[in-house]
């Protein structure tokens, strides 16, 4: 995946209903192995930036770092995620709905949605 950032957040297993932390790699903003949490502002520099600062709303491709299984019960979980960024603030993350959305971008990293 080359240089990327990491979103650290909690998800809940749909099978055992237990919450656990996941790390999801993504390429948006200054891509320099930076760690983020939901609610934090994306950093920008210029040299290693992917995307455009201040974009109204962006859906960013995310892929889980670890095996996509619940560490508590072993049930399979999602591996790919949609990360929503609004005006440089990470707003949410949810299981990816449509991987085809990312095929229109040359790098497949993000899609402007408004």
C-alpha atoms as a PDB file:
ATOM      1  CA  UNK A   1       0.000   0.000   0.000  1.00  0.00           C
ATOM      2  CA  UNK A   2       3.038   2.341   0.212  1.00  0.00           C
ATOM      3  CA  UNK A   3       2.885   5.265   2.638  1.00  0.00           C
ATOM      4  CA  UNK A   4      -0.418   5.485   4.477  1.00  0.00           C
ATOM      5  CA  UNK A   5      -2.055   6.677   7.690  1.00  0.00           C
ATOM      6  CA  UNK A   6      -3.882   4.672  10.337  1.00  0.00           C
ATOM      7  CA  UNK A   7      -7.345   5.210  11.797  1.00  0.00           C
ATOM      8  CA  UNK A   8      -7.571   3.638  15.259  1.00  0.00           C
ATOM      9  CA  UNK A   9     -11.136   3.004  16.364  1.00  0.00           C
ATOM     10  CA  UNK A  10     -13.387   0.486  18.086  1.00  0.00           C
ATOM     11  CA  UNK A  11     -15.799  -1.817  16.296  1.00  0.00           C
ATOM     12  CA  UNK A  12     -18.369  -4.225  17.718  1.00  0.00           C
ATOM     13  CA  UNK A  13     -18.484  -7.835  16.587  1.00  0.00           C
ATOM     14  CA  UNK A  14     -21.857  -8.591  15.005  1.00  0.00           C
ATOM     15  CA  UNK A  15     -21.701 -12.159  16.363  1.00  0.00           C
ATOM     16  CA  UNK A  16     -20.595 -11.861  20.027  1.00  0.00           C
ATOM     17  CA  UNK A  17     -21.409  -8.135  20.472  1.00  0.00           C
ATOM     18  CA  UNK A  18     -17.962  -7.475  21.996  1.00  0.00           C
ATOM     19  CA  UNK A  19     -16.144  -4.228  21.227  1.00  0.00           C
ATOM     20  CA  UNK A  20     -12.475  -4.215  20.247  1.00  0.00           C
ATOM     21  CA  UNK A  21      -9.920  -1.860  18.721  1.00  0.00           C
ATOM     22  CA  UNK A  22      -8.951  -2.049  15.056  1.00  0.00           C
ATOM     23  CA  UNK A  23      -6.373  -0.231  12.989  1.00  0.00           C
ATOM     24  CA  UNK A  24      -7.418   0.702   9.465  1.00  0.00           C
ATOM     25  CA  UNK A  25      -4.920   1.926   6.861  1.00  0.00           C
ATOM     26  CA  UNK A  26      -5.921   4.765   4.554  1.00  0.00           C
ATOM     27  CA  UNK A  27      -4.372   7.233   2.112  1.00  0.00           C
ATOM     28  CA  UNK A  28      -5.688  10.760   2.475  1.00  0.00           C
ATOM     29  CA  UNK A  29      -4.001  13.968   3.601  1.00  0.00           C
ATOM     30  CA  UNK A  30      -0.341  13.876   4.565  1.00  0.00           C
ATOM     31  CA  UNK A  31       0.418  10.166   4.164  1.00  0.00           C
ATOM     32  CA  UNK A  32       3.235   9.592   6.605  1.00  0.00           C
ATOM     33  CA  UNK A  33       2.276   6.723   8.937  1.00  0.00           C
ATOM     34  CA  UNK A  34       0.254   9.117  11.104  1.00  0.00           C
ATOM     35  CA  UNK A  35      -2.268   7.775  13.643  1.00  0.00           C
ATOM     36  CA  UNK A  36      -5.754   9.278  13.821  1.00  0.00           C
ATOM     37  CA  UNK A  37      -8.984   8.727  15.712  1.00  0.00           C
ATOM     38  CA  UNK A  38     -12.519   9.675  14.721  1.00  0.00           C
ATOM     39  CA  UNK A  39     -13.033  13.395  15.357  1.00  0.00           C
ATOM     40  CA  UNK A  40      -9.434  14.353  14.628  1.00  0.00           C
ATOM     41  CA  UNK A  41      -8.264  16.670  11.855  1.00  0.00           C
ATOM     42  CA  UNK A  42      -6.365  15.326   8.844  1.00  0.00           C
ATOM     43  CA  UNK A  43      -2.906  16.877   8.520  1.00  0.00           C
ATOM     44  CA  UNK A  44      -1.614  18.384   5.271  1.00  0.00           C
ATOM     45  CA  UNK A  45       1.867  19.325   4.089  1.00  0.00           C
ATOM     46  CA  UNK A  46       2.020  19.254   0.251  1.00  0.00           C
ATOM     47  CA  UNK A  47       4.880  16.944  -0.581  1.00  0.00           C
ATOM     48  CA  UNK A  48       3.169  13.697   0.471  1.00  0.00           C
ATOM     49  CA  UNK A  49      -0.473  14.786   0.292  1.00  0.00           C
ATOM     50  CA  UNK A  50      -3.222  12.766  -1.309  1.00  0.00           C
ATOM     51  CA  UNK A  51      -6.436  14.699  -1.875  1.00  0.00           C
ATOM     52  CA  UNK A  52      -7.228  18.383  -1.410  1.00  0.00           C
ATOM     53  CA  UNK A  53      -7.418  20.192   1.948  1.00  0.00           C
ATOM     54  CA  UNK A  54     -10.836  21.467   2.994  1.00  0.00           C
ATOM     55  CA  UNK A  55     -12.904  19.275   0.668  1.00  0.00           C
ATOM     56  CA  UNK A  56     -16.548  19.335   1.778  1.00  0.00           C
ATOM     57  CA  UNK A  57     -17.084  15.559   2.066  1.00  0.00           C
ATOM     58  CA  UNK A  58     -14.892  12.644   1.048  1.00  0.00           C
ATOM     59  CA  UNK A  59     -15.251   8.877   1.301  1.00  0.00           C
ATOM     60  CA  UNK A  60     -11.816   7.328   1.835  1.00  0.00           C
ATOM     61  CA  UNK A  61     -10.884   3.689   1.200  1.00  0.00           C
ATOM     62  CA  UNK A  62      -9.699   1.898   4.338  1.00  0.00           C
ATOM     63  CA  UNK A  63      -8.293  -1.594   4.817  1.00  0.00           C
ATOM     64  CA  UNK A  64      -7.852  -3.325   8.144  1.00  0.00           C
ATOM     65  CA  UNK A  65      -4.269  -4.015   9.245  1.00  0.00           C
ATOM     66  CA  UNK A  66      -4.973  -7.241  11.112  1.00  0.00           C
ATOM     67  CA  UNK A  67      -6.829 -10.407  10.165  1.00  0.00           C
ATOM     68  CA  UNK A  68     -10.524  -9.605   9.758  1.00  0.00           C
ATOM     69  CA  UNK A  69     -11.727 -11.817  12.617  1.00  0.00           C
ATOM     70  CA  UNK A  70     -13.050 -10.962  16.066  1.00  0.00           C
ATOM     71  CA  UNK A  71     -10.252 -11.476  18.602  1.00  0.00           C
ATOM     72  CA  UNK A  72     -12.835 -12.654  21.169  1.00  0.00           C
ATOM     73  CA  UNK A  73     -14.893 -15.248  19.261  1.00  0.00           C
ATOM     74  CA  UNK A  74     -13.056 -15.725  15.945  1.00  0.00           C
ATOM     75  CA  UNK A  75     -16.088 -14.752  13.848  1.00  0.00           C
ATOM     76  CA  UNK A  76     -15.207 -13.195  10.445  1.00  0.00           C
ATOM     77  CA  UNK A  77     -15.444  -9.391  10.256  1.00  0.00           C
ATOM     78  CA  UNK A  78     -15.172  -6.811   7.498  1.00  0.00           C
ATOM     79  CA  UNK A  79     -11.738  -6.089   6.030  1.00  0.00           C
ATOM     80  CA  UNK A  80     -12.524  -2.983   3.953  1.00  0.00           C
ATOM     81  CA  UNK A  81     -14.127   0.226   5.211  1.00  0.00           C
ATOM     82  CA  UNK A  82     -15.481   3.577   4.084  1.00  0.00           C
ATOM     83  CA  UNK A  83     -13.997   6.419   6.136  1.00  0.00           C
ATOM     84  CA  UNK A  84     -15.956   9.680   5.939  1.00  0.00           C
ATOM     85  CA  UNK A  85     -13.974  12.929   6.128  1.00  0.00           C
ATOM     86  CA  UNK A  86     -15.759  16.310   6.169  1.00  0.00           C
ATOM     87  CA  UNK A  87     -13.676  19.475   5.822  1.00  0.00           C
ATOM     88  CA  UNK A  88     -10.577  17.577   7.028  1.00  0.00           C
ATOM     89  CA  UNK A  89     -12.271  16.057  10.111  1.00  0.00           C
ATOM     90  CA  UNK A  90     -12.617  12.264  10.313  1.00  0.00           C
ATOM     91  CA  UNK A  91     -16.328  11.808  11.016  1.00  0.00           C
ATOM     92  CA  UNK A  92     -17.011   8.077  10.831  1.00  0.00           C
ATOM     93  CA  UNK A  93     -16.037   4.641   9.607  1.00  0.00           C
ATOM     94  CA  UNK A  94     -18.340   1.869   8.416  1.00  0.00           C
ATOM     95  CA  UNK A  95     -18.007  -1.401   6.495  1.00  0.00           C
ATOM     96  CA  UNK A  96     -17.478  -0.711   2.800  1.00  0.00           C
ATOM     97  CA  UNK A  97     -20.732  -0.664   0.854  1.00  0.00           C
ATOM     98  CA  UNK A  98     -19.486  -0.585  -2.737  1.00  0.00           C
ATOM     99  CA  UNK A  99     -15.843  -1.221  -3.694  1.00  0.00           C
ATOM    100  CA  UNK A 100     -16.659  -0.069  -7.252  1.00  0.00           C
ATOM    101  CA  UNK A 101     -16.878   3.518  -5.955  1.00  0.00           C
ATOM    102  CA  UNK A 102     -13.089   3.633  -5.664  1.00  0.00           C
ATOM    103  CA  UNK A 103     -12.339   2.427  -9.190  1.00  0.00           C
ATOM    104  CA  UNK A 104     -12.981   5.857 -10.749  1.00  0.00           C
ATOM    105  CA  UNK A 105      -9.960   7.431  -9.007  1.00  0.00           C
ATOM    106  CA  UNK A 106      -6.502   6.736 -10.454  1.00  0.00           C
ATOM    107  CA  UNK A 107      -5.166   5.574  -7.092  1.00  0.00           C
ATOM    108  CA  UNK A 108      -8.417   4.213  -5.662  1.00  0.00           C
ATOM    109  CA  UNK A 109      -7.859   6.092  -2.414  1.00  0.00           C
ATOM    110  CA  UNK A 110     -10.895   8.355  -2.092  1.00  0.00           C
ATOM    111  CA  UNK A 111     -14.065   9.658  -3.695  1.00  0.00           C
ATOM    112  CA  UNK A 112     -15.491  13.177  -3.330  1.00  0.00           C
ATOM    113  CA  UNK A 113     -19.139  12.748  -2.375  1.00  0.00           C
ATOM    114  CA  UNK A 114     -20.251  16.367  -2.077  1.00  0.00           C
END
